[in-house]
């Protein structure tokens, strides 16, 4: 099987062409390919590069859907969380969160406690400990910052997190590819092809020779997320489908009173749910939820959002005293929610997804609206069932319910595999730990690169601990074509203190020395990376605000 990096100058006709390599498109591609359909997945950017890369990184059991009585979403979220904990233990891990029960909040403590107990009742086959109520002594012992602020009781909700969401998307793409899917990135769709009164394929711009090329498909899936309307606009006038809302997160260093677990609390400004999330040695604070009609190309957190987030933390933990100068960097994006006219409260828009099977001149086109990180696999299964009926294929059980992701050790318990890899590795314990925690079983392939080239075992970024072999592996095996692909989404160096700014030139130099990139391309990529990460407003670029 060719690697994800293999260039396709031409794509043969396929059963299904999917536009958008975000979590929705990836889920459909993985499910459809595993069912034996021929699949082409295409994106104007990289795998999981935009909406899927700006989530709160939770694999959430659907607790917040209880109060709206969306029990279908609760059950689906619990089931899919269980599947991910089992099939991707190297990426998805238990992540308990404290819910403060405080006076003045919109939901009284007794109601929240009942919600936690009800969630346990609904969690058939739960793979996590039971939720519980905690009182003053436990609060003082485990959350002293909150106890000092006067918190006397709360609920401990057992949830899960995928801290490296980008690695999840890469593994979904790899799994689809292993089942025969063609994955084309940095290839912008320019038009939908319509023949004989139906959609029969798409036309795209090739990333290498920049020519226009076509993919013939029996069905086209529009999984473009916030760009869904842009794709539909290629066919002429249509009713607006998307009403995206903006969400922003701030990343800060540990602060006075910082909790050791996630805190799931209410904003004092508008009572909407918020999080303080321990993440990668730092803290992520989020998220906002604002109507958005601006450009989808570059979305940044503004000063009002920064104040909203930090004020909420300072209200909950007064000793934190966070200021805008404490924000190392931030990230913003939009949720691909269905359009609702005259929207006052974005949080009231359903988070359930919609699958539209078009008719008339758009017969042969399926559009996905909404979708969530937690339930992506279920969405992929539902869309593929529709595709199977459309293509005249027999119904069958979903192969992805029981299939581990490529980096999973399979039947071997994750803790045992991790310990064995670190113990047997020729690398330092720190480097071996980093590799296995980032790449799962693929850590062995990266380590093998260092056997013949020991210089690639050297650490290139002290903050993350990344080594040179990771850079080579990203380009040769995992379809990375730009420094953004490498630093932000394959190696995850970009979640360090300076969003990978200091590591990017080093990574480019490694690829030049290895013969993977010519000097001119590498230099251009270093410049492009520096400009691209301005959307994160890194403090490291505070003295260099103007693009060159």
Protein backbone atom coordinates (compact mmCIF):
# COMPACT_ATOMS: atom_id res chain seq x y z
CA UNK A 1 0.00 0.00 0.00
CA UNK A 2 1.49 3.38 -1.02
CA UNK A 3 1.93 5.91 1.79
CA UNK A 4 -0.38 8.87 2.32
CA UNK A 5 2.34 10.95 0.67
CA UNK A 6 2.00 9.21 -2.71
CA UNK A 7 1.11 11.71 -5.43
CA UNK A 8 -1.80 10.88 -7.74
CA UNK A 9 -1.58 12.63 -11.09
CA UNK A 10 -4.92 11.08 -12.04
CA UNK A 11 -7.78 9.60 -10.04
CA UNK A 12 -9.82 6.80 -11.56
CA UNK A 13 -13.64 7.02 -11.36
CA UNK A 14 -14.90 6.20 -7.87
CA UNK A 15 -18.12 5.28 -6.15
CA UNK A 16 -17.87 8.20 -3.72
CA UNK A 17 -16.01 11.52 -3.91
CA UNK A 18 -15.94 13.38 -0.58
CA UNK A 19 -15.25 17.11 -0.36
CA UNK A 20 -13.69 18.05 2.96
CA UNK A 21 -11.05 16.20 5.00
CA UNK A 22 -12.33 17.41 8.34
CA UNK A 23 -13.75 15.04 10.93
CA UNK A 24 -17.01 14.50 9.00
CA UNK A 25 -15.42 13.78 5.65
CA UNK A 26 -12.79 11.56 7.25
CA UNK A 27 -15.45 9.54 9.07
CA UNK A 28 -17.39 8.97 5.86
CA UNK A 29 -14.24 8.09 3.91
CA UNK A 30 -13.12 5.59 6.55
CA UNK A 31 -16.52 3.90 6.81
CA UNK A 32 -17.18 3.81 3.06
CA UNK A 33 -13.73 2.48 2.20
CA UNK A 34 -14.00 -0.18 4.90
CA UNK A 35 -17.33 -1.21 3.35
CA UNK A 36 -15.59 -1.81 0.01
CA UNK A 37 -16.59 1.36 -1.81
CA UNK A 38 -14.01 3.12 -3.96
CA UNK A 39 -13.42 6.51 -2.38
CA UNK A 40 -11.66 9.79 -3.16
CA UNK A 41 -11.31 12.33 -0.33
CA UNK A 42 -10.27 15.86 -1.27
CA UNK A 43 -9.58 19.07 0.64
CA UNK A 44 -8.38 22.56 -0.25
CA UNK A 45 -6.12 22.45 2.82
CA UNK A 46 -4.70 19.60 4.88
CA UNK A 47 -6.23 16.75 6.85
CA UNK A 48 -8.17 18.20 9.78
CA UNK A 49 -6.68 21.63 9.19
CA UNK A 50 -9.45 24.04 10.09
CA UNK A 51 -12.71 23.38 11.97
CA UNK A 52 -11.57 20.02 13.32
CA UNK A 53 -8.38 21.61 14.66
CA UNK A 54 -10.15 24.22 16.79
CA UNK A 55 -12.30 22.02 19.02
CA UNK A 56 -12.22 21.90 22.82
CA UNK A 57 -10.67 18.43 22.38
CA UNK A 58 -13.23 16.61 24.48
CA UNK A 59 -14.82 13.26 23.75
CA UNK A 60 -17.89 14.33 25.61
CA UNK A 61 -20.53 12.02 27.04
CA UNK A 62 -23.37 14.38 26.19
CA UNK A 63 -24.13 15.64 29.70
CA UNK A 64 -25.15 19.08 28.43
CA UNK A 65 -27.79 17.54 26.15
CA UNK A 66 -29.72 16.13 29.11
CA UNK A 67 -31.29 19.44 30.09
CA UNK A 68 -32.66 19.83 26.55
CA UNK A 69 -33.96 16.24 26.66
CA UNK A 70 -31.99 15.38 23.52
CA UNK A 71 -31.68 11.80 24.75
CA UNK A 72 -30.76 10.54 21.30
CA UNK A 73 -27.62 12.69 21.44
CA UNK A 74 -26.86 11.56 24.98
CA UNK A 75 -27.07 7.87 24.08
CA UNK A 76 -25.09 8.39 20.87
CA UNK A 77 -22.39 10.37 22.67
CA UNK A 78 -22.00 7.75 25.41
CA UNK A 79 -21.82 4.89 22.91
CA UNK A 80 -19.30 6.64 20.69
CA UNK A 81 -17.16 7.69 23.67
CA UNK A 82 -17.02 4.02 24.72
CA UNK A 83 -15.99 2.97 21.21
CA UNK A 84 -13.21 5.56 21.04
CA UNK A 85 -11.88 4.67 24.50
CA UNK A 86 -11.62 1.06 23.33
CA UNK A 87 -10.49 1.48 19.74
CA UNK A 88 -8.16 4.47 20.17
CA UNK A 89 -6.73 4.19 23.72
CA UNK A 90 -3.49 5.82 22.58
CA UNK A 91 -5.37 9.01 21.69
CA UNK A 92 -8.58 9.03 23.75
CA UNK A 93 -8.17 8.85 27.50
CA UNK A 94 -10.29 9.34 30.63
CA UNK A 95 -10.57 12.99 31.60
CA UNK A 96 -12.57 13.73 34.77
CA UNK A 97 -13.97 17.21 35.19
CA UNK A 98 -15.25 19.04 38.23
CA UNK A 99 -18.55 20.89 37.96
CA UNK A 100 -18.74 23.53 40.72
CA UNK A 101 -22.09 23.83 42.53
CA UNK A 102 -22.17 27.49 43.52
CA UNK A 103 -24.79 30.00 44.59
CA UNK A 104 -26.02 32.29 41.88
CA UNK A 105 -25.52 29.91 38.97
CA UNK A 106 -28.44 29.27 36.64
CA UNK A 107 -28.59 25.55 37.44
CA UNK A 108 -28.86 24.70 41.16
CA UNK A 109 -26.48 22.15 42.61
CA UNK A 110 -29.20 19.61 43.42
CA UNK A 111 -30.33 19.65 39.78
CA UNK A 112 -26.79 19.15 38.50
CA UNK A 113 -26.26 16.30 40.99
CA UNK A 114 -29.42 14.63 39.70
CA UNK A 115 -28.16 15.09 36.16
CA UNK A 116 -24.91 13.30 37.00
CA UNK A 117 -26.78 10.37 38.52
CA UNK A 118 -29.17 10.18 35.57
CA UNK A 119 -26.23 10.21 33.18
CA UNK A 120 -24.81 7.17 34.98
CA UNK A 121 -28.17 5.41 34.65
CA UNK A 122 -28.17 6.09 30.90
CA UNK A 123 -24.52 5.03 30.48
CA UNK A 124 -25.10 1.35 29.78
CA UNK A 125 -21.74 -0.40 29.44
CA UNK A 126 -19.87 2.62 30.75
CA UNK A 127 -16.08 2.22 30.59
CA UNK A 128 -15.40 4.99 33.11
CA UNK A 129 -15.95 5.27 36.89
CA UNK A 130 -19.28 6.48 38.18
CA UNK A 131 -19.93 10.20 38.50
CA UNK A 132 -20.05 11.46 42.07
CA UNK A 133 -20.76 14.45 44.26
CA UNK A 134 -17.76 15.83 46.19
CA UNK A 135 -17.87 17.98 49.31
CA UNK A 136 -15.77 20.51 51.21
CA UNK A 137 -12.93 18.25 52.43
CA UNK A 138 -12.38 16.72 48.99
CA UNK A 139 -12.57 20.17 47.40
CA UNK A 140 -9.96 21.48 49.86
CA UNK A 141 -7.68 18.52 49.19
CA UNK A 142 -7.98 18.25 45.42
CA UNK A 143 -8.97 21.75 44.27
CA UNK A 144 -7.47 24.17 46.81
CA UNK A 145 -7.78 27.14 44.46
CA UNK A 146 -11.53 26.64 44.25
CA UNK A 147 -11.82 25.96 47.97
CA UNK A 148 -10.02 29.22 48.70
CA UNK A 149 -12.59 30.98 46.52
CA UNK A 150 -15.36 29.53 48.68
CA UNK A 151 -16.52 26.47 46.75
CA UNK A 152 -18.12 23.93 49.12
CA UNK A 153 -19.40 21.20 46.84
CA UNK A 154 -19.54 20.06 43.26
CA UNK A 155 -19.90 17.13 40.91
CA UNK A 156 -17.10 15.01 39.46
CA UNK A 157 -18.11 14.02 35.94
CA UNK A 158 -16.16 11.21 34.31
CA UNK A 159 -15.49 12.13 30.69
CA UNK A 160 -12.77 11.68 28.06
CA UNK A 161 -10.35 13.79 26.04
CA UNK A 162 -8.46 13.51 22.77
CA UNK A 163 -5.68 15.98 23.49
CA UNK A 164 -4.06 15.49 20.09
CA UNK A 165 -7.11 15.89 17.88
CA UNK A 166 -4.89 16.40 14.83
CA UNK A 167 -3.40 12.93 15.28
CA UNK A 168 -6.90 11.46 15.39
CA UNK A 169 -7.71 13.02 12.02
CA UNK A 170 -4.43 11.80 10.51
CA UNK A 171 -5.13 8.26 11.70
CA UNK A 172 -8.65 8.34 10.29
CA UNK A 173 -7.15 9.35 6.93
CA UNK A 174 -4.52 6.62 7.20
CA UNK A 175 -7.17 4.00 7.98
CA UNK A 176 -9.29 5.08 5.00
CA UNK A 177 -6.18 5.00 2.83
CA UNK A 178 -5.29 1.50 4.02
CA UNK A 179 -8.71 0.41 2.78
CA UNK A 180 -8.05 1.90 -0.66
CA UNK A 181 -9.26 5.50 -0.39
CA UNK A 182 -7.39 8.15 -2.37
CA UNK A 183 -6.59 11.17 -0.18
CA UNK A 184 -5.88 14.46 -1.97
CA UNK A 185 -4.90 17.48 0.11
CA UNK A 186 -4.09 21.06 -0.90
CA UNK A 187 -6.35 20.49 -3.90
CA UNK A 188 -9.17 23.00 -4.14
CA UNK A 189 -12.49 21.94 -5.64
CA UNK A 190 -13.37 24.44 -8.36
CA UNK A 191 -16.68 23.04 -9.61
CA UNK A 192 -19.20 20.23 -9.35
CA UNK A 193 -19.69 18.35 -12.61
CA UNK A 194 -23.31 17.97 -13.69
CA UNK A 195 -24.30 15.71 -16.56
CA UNK A 196 -27.69 14.33 -17.62
CA UNK A 197 -29.49 16.22 -14.87
CA UNK A 198 -27.41 15.01 -11.91
CA UNK A 199 -24.08 15.55 -10.14
CA UNK A 200 -21.49 13.14 -11.52
CA UNK A 201 -18.20 14.33 -10.08
CA UNK A 202 -16.01 17.31 -9.33
CA UNK A 203 -13.28 19.43 -10.86
CA UNK A 204 -10.25 20.39 -8.76
CA UNK A 205 -6.95 22.26 -8.96
CA UNK A 206 -3.98 19.89 -8.79
CA UNK A 207 -1.51 20.89 -6.09
CA UNK A 208 1.58 19.98 -8.15
CA UNK A 209 1.06 21.14 -11.73
CA UNK A 210 -1.83 23.54 -10.87
CA UNK A 211 -3.91 22.18 -13.74
CA UNK A 212 -7.64 21.50 -13.53
CA UNK A 213 -8.48 17.82 -13.17
CA UNK A 214 -11.66 15.83 -12.75
CA UNK A 215 -12.89 13.00 -10.57
CA UNK A 216 -15.91 11.08 -11.83
CA UNK A 217 -18.07 9.74 -9.01
CA UNK A 218 -21.40 7.97 -8.67
CA UNK A 219 -22.09 10.06 -5.56
CA UNK A 220 -20.48 13.27 -4.28
CA UNK A 221 -20.55 14.05 -0.54
CA UNK A 222 -20.35 17.71 0.47
CA UNK A 223 -18.62 17.51 3.87
CA UNK A 224 -17.01 20.94 3.60
CA UNK A 225 -18.14 22.11 7.04
CA UNK A 226 -18.41 25.92 7.12
CA UNK A 227 -17.76 25.91 3.35
CA UNK A 228 -20.86 23.80 2.58
CA UNK A 229 -22.70 26.79 1.12
CA UNK A 230 -19.69 27.65 -1.04
CA UNK A 231 -19.79 24.18 -2.58
CA UNK A 232 -23.56 24.35 -3.11
CA UNK A 233 -23.11 27.79 -4.68
CA UNK A 234 -21.16 26.13 -7.49
CA UNK A 235 -24.45 24.71 -8.72
CA UNK A 236 -26.35 28.01 -8.72
CA UNK A 237 -28.75 29.62 -6.27
CA UNK A 238 -29.69 27.70 -3.14
CA UNK A 239 -31.17 28.30 0.31
CA UNK A 240 -28.59 29.06 2.97
CA UNK A 241 -27.71 25.94 4.94
CA UNK A 242 -24.95 27.04 7.33
CA UNK A 243 -25.12 29.43 10.27
CA UNK A 244 -21.66 29.11 11.79
CA UNK A 245 -20.84 30.36 15.26
CA UNK A 246 -17.41 31.45 16.36
CA UNK A 247 -15.54 29.66 19.12
CA UNK A 248 -12.22 30.80 20.60
CA UNK A 249 -9.79 29.33 23.11
CA UNK A 250 -6.88 30.91 25.00
CA UNK A 251 -3.73 29.01 26.00
CA UNK A 252 -1.89 30.01 29.18
CA UNK A 253 0.87 28.70 31.42
CA UNK A 254 -0.04 27.23 34.84
CA UNK A 255 -1.38 30.00 37.08
CA UNK A 256 -2.06 30.49 40.82
CA UNK A 257 -4.92 28.22 41.86
CA UNK A 258 -4.85 26.29 38.57
CA UNK A 259 -6.72 22.97 38.91
CA UNK A 260 -5.20 19.56 38.18
CA UNK A 261 -8.41 18.42 36.46
CA UNK A 262 -10.74 20.03 33.97
CA UNK A 263 -13.30 22.47 35.38
CA UNK A 264 -16.68 22.63 33.65
CA UNK A 265 -18.40 25.77 34.88
CA UNK A 266 -20.77 28.61 33.99
CA UNK A 267 -19.66 31.96 32.64
CA UNK A 268 -20.62 34.68 35.13
CA UNK A 269 -21.47 36.94 32.18
CA UNK A 270 -24.08 34.83 30.39
CA UNK A 271 -24.25 31.42 32.15
CA UNK A 272 -23.03 29.52 29.10
CA UNK A 273 -20.86 26.43 29.73
CA UNK A 274 -17.10 27.01 29.85
CA UNK A 275 -13.99 24.97 30.51
CA UNK A 276 -10.58 25.28 32.14
CA UNK A 277 -8.68 22.38 30.59
CA UNK A 278 -5.25 21.08 31.64
CA UNK A 279 -3.58 20.37 28.30
CA UNK A 280 -0.05 19.54 27.21
CA UNK A 281 1.50 20.99 30.37
CA UNK A 282 -0.48 24.21 30.07
CA UNK A 283 -4.12 25.29 30.26
CA UNK A 284 -6.69 25.89 27.58
CA UNK A 285 -9.60 28.18 28.42
CA UNK A 286 -12.70 28.13 26.28
CA UNK A 287 -14.93 28.68 24.62
CA UNK A 288 -16.93 31.54 23.18
CA UNK A 289 -20.06 31.00 21.08
CA UNK A 290 -20.85 33.97 18.85
CA UNK A 291 -22.79 34.37 15.58
CA UNK A 292 -20.28 34.74 12.73
CA UNK A 293 -20.62 36.04 9.20
CA UNK A 294 -17.02 37.08 8.51
CA UNK A 295 -14.30 35.55 6.38
CA UNK A 296 -13.66 31.84 6.87
CA UNK A 297 -10.06 32.11 5.70
CA UNK A 298 -8.53 33.78 8.77
CA UNK A 299 -10.39 33.79 12.09
CA UNK A 300 -8.78 35.21 15.22
CA UNK A 301 -9.77 35.73 18.84
CA UNK A 302 -10.55 39.39 19.51
CA UNK A 303 -10.00 41.48 22.65
CA UNK A 304 -13.61 41.12 23.81
CA UNK A 305 -13.39 37.33 23.67
CA UNK A 306 -10.09 37.39 25.55
CA UNK A 307 -11.65 39.48 28.29
CA UNK A 308 -14.74 37.23 28.41
CA UNK A 309 -12.64 34.09 28.90
CA UNK A 310 -10.15 35.49 31.40
CA UNK A 311 -12.80 37.30 33.43
CA UNK A 312 -14.68 34.03 33.83
CA UNK A 313 -11.59 32.24 35.18
CA UNK A 314 -10.71 35.12 37.50
CA UNK A 315 -14.26 35.14 38.85
CA UNK A 316 -14.10 31.42 39.60
CA UNK A 317 -10.49 31.46 40.90
CA UNK A 318 -9.73 35.03 42.08
CA UNK A 319 -6.09 34.25 42.83
CA UNK A 320 -5.50 33.43 39.14
CA UNK A 321 -5.44 37.15 38.20
CA UNK A 322 -5.04 36.32 34.51
CA UNK A 323 -4.48 39.21 32.09
CA UNK A 324 -4.26 39.35 28.29
CA UNK A 325 -0.45 39.36 28.65
CA UNK A 326 -0.68 35.84 30.11
CA UNK A 327 -2.14 34.42 26.88
CA UNK A 328 0.64 32.57 25.04
CA UNK A 329 -1.51 32.09 21.97
CA UNK A 330 -5.10 31.45 21.02
CA UNK A 331 -7.11 29.72 18.37
CA UNK A 332 -10.46 30.48 16.80
CA UNK A 333 -12.74 28.89 14.29
CA UNK A 334 -16.39 28.32 13.52
CA UNK A 335 -18.81 25.52 14.28
CA UNK A 336 -20.60 24.30 11.13
CA UNK A 337 -24.12 24.61 12.57
CA UNK A 338 -27.39 24.78 10.64
CA UNK A 339 -28.61 28.24 9.71
CA UNK A 340 -31.28 29.73 11.97
CA UNK A 341 -32.75 33.13 11.02
CA UNK A 342 -32.85 35.90 13.66
CA UNK A 343 -30.68 33.93 16.07
CA UNK A 344 -30.36 35.42 19.56
CA UNK A 345 -28.66 32.61 21.48
CA UNK A 346 -26.24 30.44 19.43
CA UNK A 347 -26.01 27.89 22.26
CA UNK A 348 -29.65 26.91 21.58
CA UNK A 349 -28.91 25.70 18.05
CA UNK A 350 -28.97 21.92 17.98
CA UNK A 351 -25.62 20.13 17.86
CA UNK A 352 -27.20 17.18 16.08
CA UNK A 353 -26.15 16.69 12.48
CA UNK A 354 -28.27 16.73 9.35
CA UNK A 355 -27.77 14.63 6.22
CA UNK A 356 -29.35 16.04 3.06
CA UNK A 357 -29.80 13.83 0.01
CA UNK A 358 -30.44 16.28 -2.83
CA UNK A 359 -32.92 15.66 -5.61
CA UNK A 360 -33.60 17.12 -9.05
CA UNK A 361 -30.57 18.58 -10.79
CA UNK A 362 -28.52 17.92 -7.65
CA UNK A 363 -29.35 14.22 -7.57
CA UNK A 364 -26.13 12.40 -6.74
CA UNK A 365 -25.08 14.99 -4.14
CA UNK A 366 -25.26 14.46 -0.37
CA UNK A 367 -24.63 17.36 2.04
CA UNK A 368 -23.66 17.10 5.71
CA UNK A 369 -24.54 19.90 8.14
CA UNK A 370 -23.24 19.97 11.70
CA UNK A 371 -21.43 17.07 13.29
CA UNK A 372 -19.20 16.71 16.34
CA UNK A 373 -15.83 15.27 17.21
CA UNK A 374 -17.31 12.77 19.68
CA UNK A 375 -19.89 11.29 17.32
CA UNK A 376 -17.99 11.48 14.04
CA UNK A 377 -17.90 7.70 13.59
CA UNK A 378 -21.68 7.41 14.00
CA UNK A 379 -22.19 10.12 11.38
CA UNK A 380 -19.88 8.25 9.01
CA UNK A 381 -21.90 5.08 9.54
CA UNK A 382 -25.22 6.86 8.90
CA UNK A 383 -24.00 8.57 5.72
CA UNK A 384 -22.48 5.34 4.40
CA UNK A 385 -25.77 3.49 4.91
CA UNK A 386 -27.39 6.13 2.72
CA UNK A 387 -24.60 5.79 0.15
CA UNK A 388 -24.99 2.01 0.10
CA UNK A 389 -28.72 2.33 -0.69
CA UNK A 390 -27.98 4.89 -3.39
CA UNK A 391 -25.33 2.65 -4.96
CA UNK A 392 -27.46 -0.48 -4.71
CA UNK A 393 -25.18 -2.22 -2.24
CA UNK A 394 -26.41 -4.70 0.33
CA UNK A 395 -26.75 -3.48 3.89
CA UNK A 396 -24.09 -4.66 6.33
CA UNK A 397 -22.92 -4.08 9.86
CA UNK A 398 -20.56 -1.17 10.36
CA UNK A 399 -16.93 -2.38 10.23
CA UNK A 400 -15.66 0.63 12.18
CA UNK A 401 -17.54 -0.18 15.40
CA UNK A 402 -15.00 -2.86 16.23
CA UNK A 403 -11.96 -1.71 14.24
CA UNK A 404 -9.04 -0.14 16.12
CA UNK A 405 -7.34 2.91 14.66
CA UNK A 406 -3.90 2.37 13.09
CA UNK A 407 -1.93 3.57 16.13
CA UNK A 408 -3.81 1.37 18.59
CA UNK A 409 -2.05 -1.72 20.00
CA UNK A 410 -5.23 -3.70 19.38
CA UNK A 411 -5.92 -6.39 21.97
CA UNK A 412 -2.85 -5.51 24.06
CA UNK A 413 -3.73 -3.10 26.88
CA UNK A 414 -2.44 0.38 26.11
CA UNK A 415 -0.54 0.76 29.37
CA UNK A 416 1.32 -2.52 28.77
CA UNK A 417 2.23 -1.62 25.18
CA UNK A 418 3.41 1.83 26.22
CA UNK A 419 5.56 0.49 29.03
CA UNK A 420 7.06 -2.21 26.81
CA UNK A 421 7.92 0.24 24.04
CA UNK A 422 9.63 2.69 26.38
CA UNK A 423 11.52 -0.10 28.13
CA UNK A 424 12.83 -1.67 24.90
CA UNK A 425 13.52 1.54 22.96
CA UNK A 426 17.07 2.54 22.02
CA UNK A 427 16.04 6.18 22.46
CA UNK A 428 16.12 8.13 25.69
CA UNK A 429 13.14 7.57 27.98
CA UNK A 430 11.89 11.10 27.28
CA UNK A 431 12.05 10.63 23.49
CA UNK A 432 10.50 7.16 23.63
CA UNK A 433 7.68 8.45 25.84
CA UNK A 434 7.01 11.32 23.48
CA UNK A 435 6.91 9.05 20.42
CA UNK A 436 4.54 6.46 21.86
CA UNK A 437 2.24 9.06 23.41
CA UNK A 438 2.00 10.94 20.12
CA UNK A 439 2.01 8.18 17.51
CA UNK A 440 0.96 4.99 19.27
CA UNK A 441 2.27 1.90 17.46
CA UNK A 442 3.72 4.07 14.67
CA UNK A 443 6.39 5.08 17.19
CA UNK A 444 8.29 1.94 16.18
CA UNK A 445 8.49 3.04 12.53
CA UNK A 446 9.79 6.45 13.58
CA UNK A 447 12.35 4.94 15.92
CA UNK A 448 13.59 2.65 13.12
CA UNK A 449 14.54 5.72 11.08
CA UNK A 450 17.04 6.65 13.79
CA UNK A 451 18.72 3.24 13.62
CA UNK A 452 20.39 4.06 10.28
CA UNK A 453 20.55 7.82 10.88
CA UNK A 454 21.35 8.46 14.55
CA UNK A 455 21.45 12.22 13.98
CA UNK A 456 17.67 12.10 13.51
CA UNK A 457 17.31 10.99 17.12
CA UNK A 458 18.43 14.42 18.26
CA UNK A 459 15.82 16.65 19.87
CA UNK A 460 14.94 19.60 17.64
CA UNK A 461 12.56 21.35 20.03
CA UNK A 462 13.21 21.30 23.77
CA UNK A 463 9.67 22.34 24.68
CA UNK A 464 7.91 19.44 22.95
CA UNK A 465 10.86 17.02 22.90
CA UNK A 466 10.30 16.23 19.20
CA UNK A 467 13.12 14.52 17.29
CA UNK A 468 14.23 14.83 13.67
CA UNK A 469 12.91 11.43 12.59
CA UNK A 470 9.35 12.68 13.17
CA UNK A 471 9.81 15.34 10.52
CA UNK A 472 11.02 12.84 7.93
CA UNK A 473 8.22 10.40 8.77
CA UNK A 474 5.58 13.13 8.41
CA UNK A 475 6.69 13.91 4.85
CA UNK A 476 7.47 10.42 3.60
CA UNK A 477 4.62 8.47 5.20
CA UNK A 478 1.85 10.75 6.42
CA UNK A 479 1.12 13.08 3.53
CA UNK A 480 2.58 16.30 4.96
CA UNK A 481 3.39 18.82 2.23
CA UNK A 482 3.90 22.09 4.11
CA UNK A 483 5.53 23.16 7.36
CA UNK A 484 2.04 23.79 8.71
CA UNK A 485 1.15 20.17 7.96
CA UNK A 486 4.28 18.98 9.75
CA UNK A 487 4.51 21.27 12.76
CA UNK A 488 0.82 21.80 13.53
CA UNK A 489 -0.81 18.51 12.54
CA UNK A 490 1.65 15.60 12.25
CA UNK A 491 4.20 16.19 15.00
CA UNK A 492 2.08 18.58 17.13
CA UNK A 493 5.19 20.60 17.91
CA UNK A 494 2.96 23.59 17.25
CA UNK A 495 1.11 23.22 20.55
CA UNK A 496 4.27 24.30 22.37
CA UNK A 497 4.87 27.70 23.91
CA UNK A 498 5.57 29.59 20.67
CA UNK A 499 3.31 27.59 18.29
CA UNK A 500 6.36 26.01 16.70
CA UNK A 501 7.95 29.24 15.48
CA UNK A 502 11.44 28.35 16.66
CA UNK A 503 11.15 24.71 15.56
CA UNK A 504 9.84 25.37 12.03
CA UNK A 505 13.19 26.52 10.53
CA UNK A 506 14.94 23.54 12.15
CA UNK A 507 12.37 21.15 10.67
CA UNK A 508 12.80 22.69 7.22
CA UNK A 509 16.58 22.37 7.48
CA UNK A 510 16.26 18.68 8.30
CA UNK A 511 14.22 18.10 5.16
CA UNK A 512 16.78 19.97 3.05
CA UNK A 513 19.62 17.89 4.49
CA UNK A 514 17.67 14.69 3.84
CA UNK A 515 16.97 15.64 0.24
CA UNK A 516 13.21 15.77 0.71
CA UNK A 517 12.88 19.52 0.06
CA UNK A 518 14.90 21.84 -2.19
CA UNK A 519 16.35 24.89 -0.46
CA UNK A 520 14.09 27.37 -2.23
CA UNK A 521 10.94 25.52 -1.19
CA UNK A 522 12.15 25.18 2.40
CA UNK A 523 12.89 28.88 2.71
CA UNK A 524 9.49 29.76 1.28
CA UNK A 525 7.83 27.38 3.73
CA UNK A 526 9.56 28.96 6.73
CA UNK A 527 8.25 32.36 5.68
CA UNK A 528 4.78 30.95 4.97
CA UNK A 529 4.65 29.26 8.36
CA UNK A 530 5.51 32.45 10.19
CA UNK A 531 2.70 34.28 8.43
CA UNK A 532 0.20 31.44 8.81
CA UNK A 533 0.50 31.18 12.60
CA UNK A 534 -0.34 34.86 13.03
CA UNK A 535 -3.94 33.68 13.22
CA UNK A 536 -3.04 32.25 16.63
CA UNK A 537 -1.84 35.67 17.83
CA UNK A 538 1.24 34.14 19.49
CA UNK A 539 2.93 36.24 22.14
CA UNK A 540 6.20 35.31 20.43
CA UNK A 541 5.16 37.57 17.52
CA UNK A 542 3.86 40.41 19.66
CA UNK A 543 6.79 42.62 18.63
CA UNK A 544 6.36 41.70 14.96
CA UNK A 545 2.69 42.43 14.22
CA UNK A 546 2.91 43.30 10.56
CA UNK A 547 3.26 40.61 7.85
CA UNK A 548 6.32 41.09 5.68
